[in-house]
N, C-alpha and C. Protein backbone atom coordinates (compact mmCIF):
# COMPACT_ATOMS: atom_id res chain seq x y z
N UNK A 1 21.41 63.90 134.55
CA UNK A 1 22.83 63.87 134.78
C UNK A 1 23.35 62.43 134.80
N UNK A 2 22.57 61.54 135.41
CA UNK A 2 22.99 60.14 135.46
C UNK A 2 23.04 59.54 134.06
N UNK A 3 22.08 59.92 133.21
CA UNK A 3 22.10 59.42 131.83
C UNK A 3 23.30 59.96 131.06
N UNK A 4 23.67 61.21 131.32
CA UNK A 4 24.84 61.79 130.67
C UNK A 4 26.10 61.04 131.08
N UNK A 5 26.23 60.78 132.36
CA UNK A 5 27.41 60.05 132.86
C UNK A 5 27.44 58.64 132.29
N UNK A 6 26.27 57.98 132.25
CA UNK A 6 26.21 56.63 131.68
C UNK A 6 26.60 56.65 130.21
N UNK A 7 26.13 57.64 129.46
CA UNK A 7 26.48 57.70 128.04
C UNK A 7 27.97 57.98 127.85
N UNK A 8 28.56 58.78 128.74
CA UNK A 8 29.99 59.04 128.65
C UNK A 8 30.81 57.78 128.95
N UNK A 9 30.34 57.00 129.91
CA UNK A 9 31.02 55.75 130.22
C UNK A 9 30.93 54.79 129.04
N UNK A 10 29.73 54.66 128.47
CA UNK A 10 29.52 53.75 127.35
C UNK A 10 30.32 54.20 126.13
N UNK A 11 30.33 55.50 125.84
CA UNK A 11 31.04 55.98 124.65
C UNK A 11 32.55 55.89 124.81
N UNK A 12 33.05 55.87 126.04
CA UNK A 12 34.48 55.78 126.28
C UNK A 12 35.02 54.36 126.21
N UNK A 13 34.14 53.38 126.20
CA UNK A 13 34.56 51.98 126.16
C UNK A 13 34.83 51.57 124.71
N UNK A 14 36.00 50.98 124.48
CA UNK A 14 36.38 50.62 123.12
C UNK A 14 36.15 49.15 122.80
N UNK A 15 36.13 48.30 123.79
CA UNK A 15 35.96 46.88 123.53
C UNK A 15 34.50 46.49 123.69
N UNK A 16 34.03 45.61 122.79
CA UNK A 16 32.62 45.21 122.76
C UNK A 16 32.23 44.51 124.05
N UNK A 17 33.05 43.60 124.55
CA UNK A 17 32.66 42.84 125.74
C UNK A 17 32.52 43.74 126.95
N UNK A 18 33.36 44.79 127.04
CA UNK A 18 33.24 45.72 128.15
C UNK A 18 31.97 46.55 128.03
N UNK A 19 31.59 46.88 126.79
CA UNK A 19 30.35 47.63 126.56
C UNK A 19 29.13 46.79 126.94
N UNK A 20 29.17 45.49 126.61
CA UNK A 20 28.06 44.59 126.96
C UNK A 20 27.93 44.49 128.48
N UNK A 21 29.03 44.36 129.17
CA UNK A 21 29.01 44.27 130.63
C UNK A 21 28.48 45.58 131.23
N UNK A 22 28.94 46.71 130.72
CA UNK A 22 28.50 48.00 131.26
C UNK A 22 27.01 48.24 131.02
N UNK A 23 26.53 47.92 129.82
CA UNK A 23 25.11 48.11 129.51
C UNK A 23 24.25 47.20 130.36
N UNK A 24 24.65 45.94 130.52
CA UNK A 24 23.84 45.02 131.33
C UNK A 24 23.86 45.44 132.80
N UNK A 25 24.97 45.95 133.30
CA UNK A 25 25.03 46.44 134.67
C UNK A 25 24.10 47.64 134.86
N UNK A 26 24.14 48.58 133.91
CA UNK A 26 23.28 49.76 134.00
C UNK A 26 21.80 49.37 133.93
N UNK A 27 21.45 48.44 133.04
CA UNK A 27 20.06 48.01 132.92
C UNK A 27 19.58 47.30 134.18
N UNK A 28 20.42 46.45 134.75
CA UNK A 28 20.03 45.75 135.97
C UNK A 28 19.80 46.73 137.12
N UNK A 29 20.65 47.72 137.24
CA UNK A 29 20.48 48.71 138.30
C UNK A 29 19.27 49.59 138.05
N UNK A 30 18.98 49.90 136.79
CA UNK A 30 17.78 50.68 136.48
C UNK A 30 16.53 49.90 136.84
N UNK A 31 16.51 48.61 136.54
CA UNK A 31 15.35 47.79 136.88
C UNK A 31 15.16 47.70 138.39
N UNK A 32 16.25 47.54 139.12
CA UNK A 32 16.16 47.48 140.59
C UNK A 32 15.66 48.81 141.15
N UNK A 33 16.14 49.92 140.59
CA UNK A 33 15.69 51.23 141.04
C UNK A 33 14.21 51.43 140.76
N UNK A 34 13.77 51.09 139.56
CA UNK A 34 12.36 51.26 139.21
C UNK A 34 11.46 50.38 140.06
N UNK A 35 11.90 49.15 140.32
CA UNK A 35 11.09 48.23 141.12
C UNK A 35 10.91 48.75 142.54
N UNK A 36 11.91 49.41 143.08
CA UNK A 36 11.79 49.90 144.45
C UNK A 36 11.14 51.28 144.51
N UNK A 37 11.24 52.08 143.46
CA UNK A 37 10.74 53.46 143.55
C UNK A 37 9.31 53.62 143.07
N UNK A 38 8.84 52.76 142.17
CA UNK A 38 7.46 52.88 141.70
C UNK A 38 6.49 52.44 142.78
N UNK A 39 5.40 53.18 142.98
CA UNK A 39 4.45 52.80 144.03
C UNK A 39 3.59 51.61 143.61
N UNK A 40 3.94 50.43 144.10
CA UNK A 40 3.19 49.22 143.76
C UNK A 40 3.40 48.19 144.86
N UNK A 41 2.60 47.14 144.81
CA UNK A 41 2.79 46.01 145.73
C UNK A 41 3.65 44.98 145.03
N UNK A 42 4.60 44.42 145.77
CA UNK A 42 5.51 43.43 145.21
C UNK A 42 4.93 42.03 145.34
N UNK A 43 5.70 41.04 144.94
CA UNK A 43 5.26 39.64 144.95
C UNK A 43 4.90 39.20 146.37
N UNK A 44 3.74 38.54 146.55
CA UNK A 44 3.34 38.09 147.89
C UNK A 44 4.32 37.08 148.49
N UNK A 45 4.48 37.16 149.81
CA UNK A 45 5.32 36.22 150.55
C UNK A 45 4.52 35.70 151.74
N UNK A 46 5.13 34.82 152.53
CA UNK A 46 4.46 34.31 153.73
C UNK A 46 4.22 35.44 154.74
N UNK A 47 5.19 36.33 154.87
CA UNK A 47 5.06 37.44 155.82
C UNK A 47 4.06 38.49 155.35
N UNK A 48 3.95 38.68 154.03
CA UNK A 48 3.03 39.65 153.45
C UNK A 48 2.15 38.95 152.42
N UNK A 49 1.03 38.35 152.84
CA UNK A 49 0.17 37.61 151.90
C UNK A 49 -0.39 38.48 150.77
N UNK A 50 -0.58 39.78 151.04
CA UNK A 50 -1.08 40.67 149.99
C UNK A 50 0.05 41.26 149.16
N UNK A 51 1.27 41.00 149.52
CA UNK A 51 2.43 41.54 148.84
C UNK A 51 2.97 42.74 149.60
N UNK A 52 4.29 42.80 149.82
CA UNK A 52 4.86 43.94 150.54
C UNK A 52 4.83 45.19 149.66
N UNK A 53 4.66 46.36 150.26
CA UNK A 53 4.68 47.59 149.47
C UNK A 53 6.11 47.95 149.06
N UNK A 54 6.24 48.54 147.88
CA UNK A 54 7.56 49.00 147.45
C UNK A 54 7.94 50.24 148.26
N UNK A 55 9.20 50.65 148.15
CA UNK A 55 9.66 51.83 148.88
C UNK A 55 8.88 53.07 148.44
N UNK A 56 8.58 53.16 147.15
CA UNK A 56 7.81 54.30 146.65
C UNK A 56 6.42 54.35 147.25
N UNK A 57 5.77 53.20 147.37
CA UNK A 57 4.44 53.15 147.97
C UNK A 57 4.49 53.50 149.46
N UNK A 58 5.53 53.04 150.14
CA UNK A 58 5.67 53.38 151.56
C UNK A 58 5.89 54.88 151.75
N UNK A 59 6.67 55.51 150.86
CA UNK A 59 6.89 56.95 150.96
C UNK A 59 5.60 57.73 150.74
N UNK A 60 4.78 57.29 149.78
CA UNK A 60 3.50 57.95 149.54
C UNK A 60 2.59 57.80 150.75
N UNK A 61 2.56 56.61 151.33
CA UNK A 61 1.73 56.39 152.52
C UNK A 61 2.20 57.24 153.69
N UNK A 62 3.52 57.37 153.86
CA UNK A 62 4.04 58.21 154.94
C UNK A 62 3.70 59.68 154.71
N UNK A 63 3.79 60.12 153.45
CA UNK A 63 3.49 61.52 153.14
C UNK A 63 2.01 61.84 153.38
N UNK A 64 1.15 60.87 153.10
CA UNK A 64 -0.29 61.08 153.31
C UNK A 64 -0.69 60.87 154.77
N UNK A 65 0.22 60.32 155.57
CA UNK A 65 -0.08 60.10 156.98
C UNK A 65 -0.86 58.83 157.25
N UNK A 66 -0.86 57.90 156.30
CA UNK A 66 -1.57 56.63 156.49
C UNK A 66 -0.63 55.60 157.08
N UNK A 67 -1.20 54.64 157.82
CA UNK A 67 -0.41 53.52 158.34
C UNK A 67 -0.09 52.57 157.20
N UNK A 68 1.03 51.88 157.30
CA UNK A 68 1.36 50.91 156.27
C UNK A 68 0.69 49.62 156.60
């Protein structure tokens, strides 16, 4: 459904610059969503030397009953 709505927004735009802005906004939000939802460890920081878990990984750990 989200892809249908996105395609309707893109097809309704008549000016090229508005289409470029809309596509880049959709791509940036898709990348942010994938980065948080895929189960993986993110870039290491001082607080998390092994890398903090993504939201998807935390949800899997909670579902399995493991500590984070």
